[in-house]
Protein backbone atom coordinates (compact mmCIF):
# COMPACT_ATOMS: atom_id res chain seq x y z
CA UNK A 1 0.00 0.00 0.00
CA UNK A 2 2.73 2.53 0.92
CA UNK A 3 5.05 2.23 -2.06
CA UNK A 4 6.67 5.66 -2.25
CA UNK A 5 8.88 7.49 0.23
CA UNK A 6 8.41 11.24 0.30
CA UNK A 7 10.49 14.01 1.84
CA UNK A 8 8.52 16.94 3.27
CA UNK A 9 10.40 20.13 4.10
CA UNK A 10 9.43 23.68 4.93
CA UNK A 11 11.43 26.57 3.56
CA UNK A 12 11.52 30.15 4.80
CA UNK A 13 12.52 33.14 2.74
CA UNK A 14 15.86 33.44 4.55
CA UNK A 15 16.47 29.96 5.92
CA UNK A 16 17.54 26.57 4.67
CA UNK A 17 15.01 23.78 4.16
CA UNK A 18 14.06 22.00 7.38
CA UNK A 19 12.25 18.67 7.74
CA UNK A 20 8.61 19.05 8.77
CA UNK A 21 8.11 17.75 12.30
CA UNK A 22 6.35 14.41 12.48
CA UNK A 23 3.70 16.14 14.63
CA UNK A 24 2.68 18.22 11.57
CA UNK A 25 2.69 15.20 9.26
CA UNK A 26 0.70 13.11 11.72
CA UNK A 27 -1.85 15.89 12.15
CA UNK A 28 -2.36 16.00 8.38
CA UNK A 29 -2.50 12.21 7.98
CA UNK A 30 -4.88 11.58 10.88
CA UNK A 31 -7.35 14.27 9.97
CA UNK A 32 -9.69 13.76 7.05
CA UNK A 33 -10.20 17.48 6.54
CA UNK A 34 -10.35 17.31 2.75
CA UNK A 35 -13.06 14.64 2.56
CA UNK A 36 -10.80 13.13 -0.10
CA UNK A 37 -10.09 9.44 0.48
CA UNK A 38 -6.94 9.63 -1.67
CA UNK A 39 -5.06 11.07 1.33
CA UNK A 40 -5.93 8.04 3.47
CA UNK A 41 -2.87 6.37 1.91
CA UNK A 42 -0.35 8.51 3.80
CA UNK A 43 1.83 7.32 6.67
CA UNK A 44 4.19 9.63 8.61
CA UNK A 45 7.34 7.73 9.61
CA UNK A 46 9.74 10.41 10.93
CA UNK A 47 10.46 14.12 10.81
CA UNK A 48 10.31 15.07 7.14
CA UNK A 49 9.45 11.53 6.02
CA UNK A 50 6.15 10.28 4.72
CA UNK A 51 5.19 7.10 2.90
CA UNK A 52 2.36 7.24 0.37
CA UNK A 53 0.41 4.87 -1.83
CA UNK A 54 0.35 4.83 -5.63
CA UNK A 55 -2.94 6.66 -5.89
CA UNK A 56 -1.72 9.76 -3.98
CA UNK A 57 -0.84 12.49 -6.52
CA UNK A 58 2.24 14.36 -5.31
CA UNK A 59 1.08 17.78 -6.55
CA UNK A 60 -2.29 17.50 -4.79
CA UNK A 61 -0.62 16.20 -1.64
CA UNK A 62 1.77 19.13 -1.58
CA UNK A 63 -1.00 21.70 -2.11
CA UNK A 64 -3.29 20.11 0.49
CA UNK A 65 -0.52 19.84 3.08
CA UNK A 66 0.59 23.44 2.57
CA UNK A 67 -3.00 24.64 2.89
CA UNK A 68 -3.55 22.59 6.07
CA UNK A 69 -0.24 23.68 7.64
CA UNK A 70 -1.10 27.34 6.99
CA UNK A 71 -4.57 26.96 8.53
CA UNK A 72 -3.04 25.30 11.59
CA UNK A 73 -0.47 28.10 11.91
CA UNK A 74 2.52 25.79 11.33
CA UNK A 75 3.69 27.72 8.24
CA UNK A 76 4.22 31.45 8.37
CA UNK A 77 3.33 33.74 5.48
CA UNK A 78 6.86 33.77 4.06
CA UNK A 79 7.38 30.00 4.38
CA UNK A 80 6.62 27.34 1.81
CA UNK A 81 6.51 23.58 1.56
CA UNK A 82 8.65 21.29 -0.60
CA UNK A 83 7.39 17.73 -1.15
CA UNK A 84 9.62 15.40 -3.17
CA UNK A 85 9.94 11.69 -3.84
CA UNK A 86 12.92 10.28 -1.94
C-alpha atoms as a PDB file:
ATOM      1  CA  UNK A   1       0.000   0.000   0.000  1.00  0.00           C
ATOM      2  CA  UNK A   2       2.733   2.526   0.923  1.00  0.00           C
ATOM      3  CA  UNK A   3       5.050   2.235  -2.062  1.00  0.00           C
ATOM      4  CA  UNK A   4       6.672   5.664  -2.248  1.00  0.00           C
ATOM      5  CA  UNK A   5       8.875   7.489   0.225  1.00  0.00           C
ATOM      6  CA  UNK A   6       8.407  11.243   0.296  1.00  0.00           C
ATOM      7  CA  UNK A   7      10.489  14.008   1.844  1.00  0.00           C
ATOM      8  CA  UNK A   8       8.524  16.943   3.273  1.00  0.00           C
ATOM      9  CA  UNK A   9      10.404  20.135   4.101  1.00  0.00           C
ATOM     10  CA  UNK A  10       9.429  23.676   4.928  1.00  0.00           C
ATOM     11  CA  UNK A  11      11.433  26.566   3.565  1.00  0.00           C
ATOM     12  CA  UNK A  12      11.525  30.152   4.799  1.00  0.00           C
ATOM     13  CA  UNK A  13      12.517  33.144   2.740  1.00  0.00           C
ATOM     14  CA  UNK A  14      15.860  33.436   4.545  1.00  0.00           C
ATOM     15  CA  UNK A  15      16.471  29.956   5.918  1.00  0.00           C
ATOM     16  CA  UNK A  16      17.535  26.566   4.668  1.00  0.00           C
ATOM     17  CA  UNK A  17      15.013  23.775   4.164  1.00  0.00           C
ATOM     18  CA  UNK A  18      14.059  21.996   7.384  1.00  0.00           C
ATOM     19  CA  UNK A  19      12.246  18.666   7.742  1.00  0.00           C
ATOM     20  CA  UNK A  20       8.606  19.050   8.775  1.00  0.00           C
ATOM     21  CA  UNK A  21       8.115  17.749  12.304  1.00  0.00           C
ATOM     22  CA  UNK A  22       6.347  14.414  12.483  1.00  0.00           C
ATOM     23  CA  UNK A  23       3.697  16.144  14.628  1.00  0.00           C
ATOM     24  CA  UNK A  24       2.676  18.215  11.569  1.00  0.00           C
ATOM     25  CA  UNK A  25       2.691  15.203   9.257  1.00  0.00           C
ATOM     26  CA  UNK A  26       0.703  13.111  11.720  1.00  0.00           C
ATOM     27  CA  UNK A  27      -1.847  15.887  12.149  1.00  0.00           C
ATOM     28  CA  UNK A  28      -2.363  15.995   8.384  1.00  0.00           C
ATOM     29  CA  UNK A  29      -2.498  12.208   7.983  1.00  0.00           C
ATOM     30  CA  UNK A  30      -4.881  11.584  10.875  1.00  0.00           C
ATOM     31  CA  UNK A  31      -7.353  14.274   9.966  1.00  0.00           C
ATOM     32  CA  UNK A  32      -9.693  13.764   7.049  1.00  0.00           C
ATOM     33  CA  UNK A  33     -10.198  17.483   6.541  1.00  0.00           C
ATOM     34  CA  UNK A  34     -10.355  17.307   2.754  1.00  0.00           C
ATOM     35  CA  UNK A  35     -13.065  14.641   2.561  1.00  0.00           C
ATOM     36  CA  UNK A  36     -10.801  13.126  -0.096  1.00  0.00           C
ATOM     37  CA  UNK A  37     -10.091   9.438   0.478  1.00  0.00           C
ATOM     38  CA  UNK A  38      -6.941   9.632  -1.666  1.00  0.00           C
ATOM     39  CA  UNK A  39      -5.059  11.075   1.327  1.00  0.00           C
ATOM     40  CA  UNK A  40      -5.926   8.041   3.465  1.00  0.00           C
ATOM     41  CA  UNK A  41      -2.865   6.369   1.906  1.00  0.00           C
ATOM     42  CA  UNK A  42      -0.349   8.513   3.801  1.00  0.00           C
ATOM     43  CA  UNK A  43       1.829   7.317   6.670  1.00  0.00           C
ATOM     44  CA  UNK A  44       4.189   9.630   8.607  1.00  0.00           C
ATOM     45  CA  UNK A  45       7.340   7.726   9.607  1.00  0.00           C
ATOM     46  CA  UNK A  46       9.740  10.409  10.926  1.00  0.00           C
ATOM     47  CA  UNK A  47      10.463  14.125  10.811  1.00  0.00           C
ATOM     48  CA  UNK A  48      10.307  15.072   7.141  1.00  0.00           C
ATOM     49  CA  UNK A  49       9.452  11.528   6.021  1.00  0.00           C
ATOM     50  CA  UNK A  50       6.145  10.276   4.716  1.00  0.00           C
ATOM     51  CA  UNK A  51       5.195   7.095   2.896  1.00  0.00           C
ATOM     52  CA  UNK A  52       2.364   7.243   0.372  1.00  0.00           C
ATOM     53  CA  UNK A  53       0.412   4.870  -1.829  1.00  0.00           C
ATOM     54  CA  UNK A  54       0.352   4.830  -5.629  1.00  0.00           C
ATOM     55  CA  UNK A  55      -2.939   6.663  -5.887  1.00  0.00           C
ATOM     56  CA  UNK A  56      -1.720   9.761  -3.979  1.00  0.00           C
ATOM     57  CA  UNK A  57      -0.844  12.490  -6.516  1.00  0.00           C
ATOM     58  CA  UNK A  58       2.235  14.362  -5.306  1.00  0.00           C
ATOM     59  CA  UNK A  59       1.082  17.777  -6.549  1.00  0.00           C
ATOM     60  CA  UNK A  60      -2.291  17.503  -4.788  1.00  0.00           C
ATOM     61  CA  UNK A  61      -0.624  16.196  -1.643  1.00  0.00           C
ATOM     62  CA  UNK A  62       1.770  19.127  -1.581  1.00  0.00           C
ATOM     63  CA  UNK A  63      -0.996  21.699  -2.108  1.00  0.00           C
ATOM     64  CA  UNK A  64      -3.292  20.110   0.490  1.00  0.00           C
ATOM     65  CA  UNK A  65      -0.521  19.842   3.084  1.00  0.00           C
ATOM     66  CA  UNK A  66       0.591  23.436   2.574  1.00  0.00           C
ATOM     67  CA  UNK A  67      -3.000  24.644   2.894  1.00  0.00           C
ATOM     68  CA  UNK A  68      -3.548  22.592   6.067  1.00  0.00           C
ATOM     69  CA  UNK A  69      -0.244  23.683   7.642  1.00  0.00           C
ATOM     70  CA  UNK A  70      -1.099  27.341   6.992  1.00  0.00           C
ATOM     71  CA  UNK A  71      -4.569  26.959   8.531  1.00  0.00           C
ATOM     72  CA  UNK A  72      -3.039  25.296  11.589  1.00  0.00           C
ATOM     73  CA  UNK A  73      -0.467  28.103  11.906  1.00  0.00           C
ATOM     74  CA  UNK A  74       2.523  25.790  11.326  1.00  0.00           C
ATOM     75  CA  UNK A  75       3.694  27.720   8.243  1.00  0.00           C
ATOM     76  CA  UNK A  76       4.219  31.452   8.366  1.00  0.00           C
ATOM     77  CA  UNK A  77       3.330  33.741   5.485  1.00  0.00           C
ATOM     78  CA  UNK A  78       6.865  33.774   4.060  1.00  0.00           C
ATOM     79  CA  UNK A  79       7.382  30.000   4.381  1.00  0.00           C
ATOM     80  CA  UNK A  80       6.624  27.342   1.810  1.00  0.00           C
ATOM     81  CA  UNK A  81       6.514  23.579   1.562  1.00  0.00           C
ATOM     82  CA  UNK A  82       8.651  21.285  -0.600  1.00  0.00           C
ATOM     83  CA  UNK A  83       7.387  17.730  -1.151  1.00  0.00           C
ATOM     84  CA  UNK A  84       9.617  15.395  -3.172  1.00  0.00           C
ATOM     85  CA  UNK A  85       9.938  11.691  -3.837  1.00  0.00           C
ATOM     86  CA  UNK A  86      12.921  10.276  -1.943  1.00  0.00           C
END
